[in-house]
Amino acid sequence: MLDIGDDYLAAEPHLISVLEKVEGFKDVCSTNDLAEVEERSQKAPCAHVIYFGDRVPDVSNGGIQTQVMQIWLVVIAVRQGRDTNAEAGKLIRATLKQLQKDSFVPNVGALNRINSPARPRYTKGFAYYPLAFSVNFRLRG
């Protein structure tokens, strides 16, 4: 487990750069929360990177060092249509494949897939498929 450098949210630019390599996305962007995903005018299919928070242990060595687990969501958005699931399925597979290749976040650690705290959502115009990842690191006081 690495000690994180100066950027506490270093996983975000890494995720964005990896997702930009996935063939099929018209846009990859940072989004503040799941509610904002629906409100944006989207160039679908696209991927939204969302910081979902972190978990720290109850005890942290007197504040000298804390182990942190950050959770990041990648929400794949596609337009609703006849082939929505087929298109989403290909993008999900391509995303997971690319993140397996480029899972190591420099100065932070490896991204690990975890169960998503969000469920897929469907609106009149779009379908949203969330994938969740964690990254673990040490934060020194």
Protein backbone atom coordinates (compact mmCIF):
# COMPACT_ATOMS: atom_id res chain seq x y z
CA MET A 1 0.00 0.00 0.00
CA LEU A 2 1.50 3.29 -1.10
CA ASP A 3 1.58 6.63 0.65
CA ILE A 4 -0.37 9.07 -1.50
CA GLY A 5 1.42 12.15 -2.77
CA ASP A 6 -0.01 15.67 -2.85
CA ASP A 7 -3.21 14.93 -4.81
CA TYR A 8 -5.83 13.24 -2.62
CA LEU A 9 -8.05 12.71 -5.68
CA ALA A 10 -5.30 11.44 -8.00
CA ALA A 11 -7.43 8.49 -9.13
CA GLU A 12 -9.80 10.80 -11.03
CA PRO A 13 -7.43 12.02 -13.79
CA HIS A 14 -6.09 8.47 -14.09
CA LEU A 15 -9.59 7.05 -14.58
CA ILE A 16 -10.43 9.72 -17.14
CA SER A 17 -7.25 9.07 -19.14
CA VAL A 18 -7.88 5.30 -19.12
CA LEU A 19 -11.53 5.71 -20.15
CA GLU A 20 -10.52 7.99 -23.03
CA LYS A 21 -8.77 4.95 -24.53
CA VAL A 22 -12.03 2.95 -24.63
CA GLU A 23 -13.35 2.85 -28.17
CA GLY A 24 -16.97 3.93 -28.39
CA PHE A 25 -17.20 6.77 -25.87
CA LYS A 26 -17.95 10.18 -27.37
CA ASP A 27 -17.09 11.88 -24.08
CA VAL A 28 -15.50 11.12 -20.72
CA CYS A 29 -16.05 13.64 -17.96
CA SER A 30 -15.80 14.29 -14.26
CA THR A 31 -19.20 14.60 -12.59
CA ASN A 32 -19.98 15.73 -9.06
CA ASP A 33 -22.80 13.32 -8.21
CA LEU A 34 -25.32 10.92 -9.70
CA ALA A 35 -28.07 13.56 -9.80
CA GLU A 36 -25.90 15.72 -12.06
CA VAL A 37 -25.49 12.87 -14.55
CA GLU A 38 -29.10 13.14 -15.73
CA GLU A 39 -29.12 16.91 -15.82
CA ARG A 40 -26.17 17.34 -18.15
CA SER A 41 -26.55 17.53 -21.89
CA GLN A 42 -24.66 14.42 -22.86
CA LYS A 43 -22.84 13.22 -25.94
CA ALA A 44 -23.83 9.60 -25.49
CA PRO A 45 -22.44 7.08 -25.25
CA CYS A 46 -20.24 8.55 -22.56
CA ALA A 47 -18.63 7.80 -19.23
CA HIS A 48 -18.90 9.85 -16.05
CA VAL A 49 -16.25 9.58 -13.33
CA ILE A 50 -17.67 10.26 -9.86
CA TYR A 51 -15.86 10.40 -6.52
CA PHE A 52 -18.17 8.45 -4.19
CA GLY A 53 -16.28 9.09 -0.96
CA ASP A 54 -13.91 7.17 1.19
CA ARG A 55 -13.76 4.87 4.18
CA VAL A 56 -11.29 5.18 6.99
CA PRO A 57 -10.84 2.87 9.97
CA ASP A 58 -12.09 3.85 13.42
CA VAL A 59 -8.53 3.79 14.76
CA SER A 60 -5.75 5.59 12.90
CA ASN A 61 -2.44 5.24 14.79
CA GLY A 62 -2.92 8.47 16.70
CA GLY A 63 -3.34 10.51 13.53
CA ILE A 64 0.18 9.77 12.27
CA GLN A 65 -1.00 7.51 9.48
CA THR A 66 -4.42 6.53 8.17
CA GLN A 67 -5.30 3.83 5.70
CA VAL A 68 -7.93 5.07 3.26
CA MET A 69 -10.18 3.26 0.81
CA GLN A 70 -11.61 5.61 -1.82
CA ILE A 71 -14.60 4.62 -3.92
CA TRP A 72 -14.95 5.81 -7.51
CA LEU A 73 -17.90 5.25 -9.82
CA VAL A 74 -17.71 5.02 -13.57
CA VAL A 75 -21.23 5.54 -14.91
CA ILE A 76 -21.69 4.53 -18.53
CA ALA A 77 -24.54 6.42 -20.19
CA VAL A 78 -26.16 5.33 -23.44
CA ARG A 79 -29.23 6.60 -25.26
CA GLN A 80 -32.35 4.49 -24.80
CA GLY A 81 -33.23 2.56 -27.93
CA ARG A 82 -33.74 -0.85 -29.38
CA ASP A 83 -30.12 -1.94 -28.82
CA THR A 84 -29.50 -0.19 -25.48
CA ASN A 85 -28.36 -3.28 -23.56
CA ALA A 86 -26.21 -4.57 -26.41
CA GLU A 87 -24.44 -1.23 -26.77
CA ALA A 88 -24.02 -0.89 -22.99
CA GLY A 89 -22.76 -4.46 -22.69
CA LYS A 90 -19.99 -3.86 -25.23
CA LEU A 91 -18.94 -0.61 -23.53
CA ILE A 92 -18.97 -2.20 -20.07
CA ARG A 93 -16.78 -5.05 -21.30
CA ALA A 94 -14.38 -2.69 -23.09
CA THR A 95 -14.19 -0.47 -19.98
CA LEU A 96 -13.41 -3.38 -17.67
CA LYS A 97 -10.82 -4.73 -20.08
CA GLN A 98 -9.06 -1.33 -20.34
CA LEU A 99 -9.13 -0.82 -16.57
CA GLN A 100 -7.58 -4.27 -16.06
CA LYS A 101 -4.69 -3.19 -18.31
CA ASP A 102 -4.27 0.24 -16.68
CA SER A 103 -5.35 -0.45 -13.11
CA PHE A 104 -2.34 1.08 -11.35
CA VAL A 105 -2.81 4.72 -10.31
CA PRO A 106 0.70 6.29 -10.01
CA ASN A 107 1.64 7.17 -6.41
CA VAL A 108 -1.65 5.70 -5.16
CA GLY A 109 -2.15 2.00 -5.91
CA ALA A 110 -4.24 -0.40 -7.93
CA LEU A 111 -7.91 0.09 -8.75
CA ASN A 112 -10.03 -2.86 -7.65
CA ARG A 113 -13.54 -3.53 -8.87
CA ILE A 114 -16.11 -3.65 -6.06
CA ASN A 115 -19.89 -4.01 -5.84
CA SER A 116 -21.50 -0.80 -6.99
CA PRO A 117 -23.40 1.15 -4.31
CA ALA A 118 -25.66 2.43 -7.12
CA ARG A 119 -28.02 0.46 -9.32
CA PRO A 120 -28.56 0.91 -13.06
CA ARG A 121 -31.07 3.67 -13.85
CA TYR A 122 -33.27 4.23 -16.85
CA THR A 123 -34.94 7.47 -17.91
CA LYS A 124 -36.94 8.35 -21.00
CA GLY A 125 -33.81 9.24 -22.91
CA PHE A 126 -30.87 7.43 -21.31
CA ALA A 127 -29.74 4.30 -19.51
CA TYR A 128 -27.03 4.57 -16.83
CA TYR A 129 -24.82 1.64 -15.84
CA PRO A 130 -22.60 2.22 -12.78
CA LEU A 131 -19.35 0.36 -12.16
CA ALA A 132 -17.51 0.85 -8.85
CA PHE A 133 -13.82 0.72 -8.07
CA SER A 134 -11.79 1.19 -4.92
CA VAL A 135 -8.24 2.30 -4.40
CA ASN A 136 -6.39 1.87 -1.10
CA PHE A 137 -3.54 4.03 0.17
CA ARG A 138 -1.91 5.47 3.28
CA LEU A 139 -2.30 9.08 4.30
CA ARG A 140 0.41 10.37 6.62
CA GLY A 141 -0.45 13.20 8.99
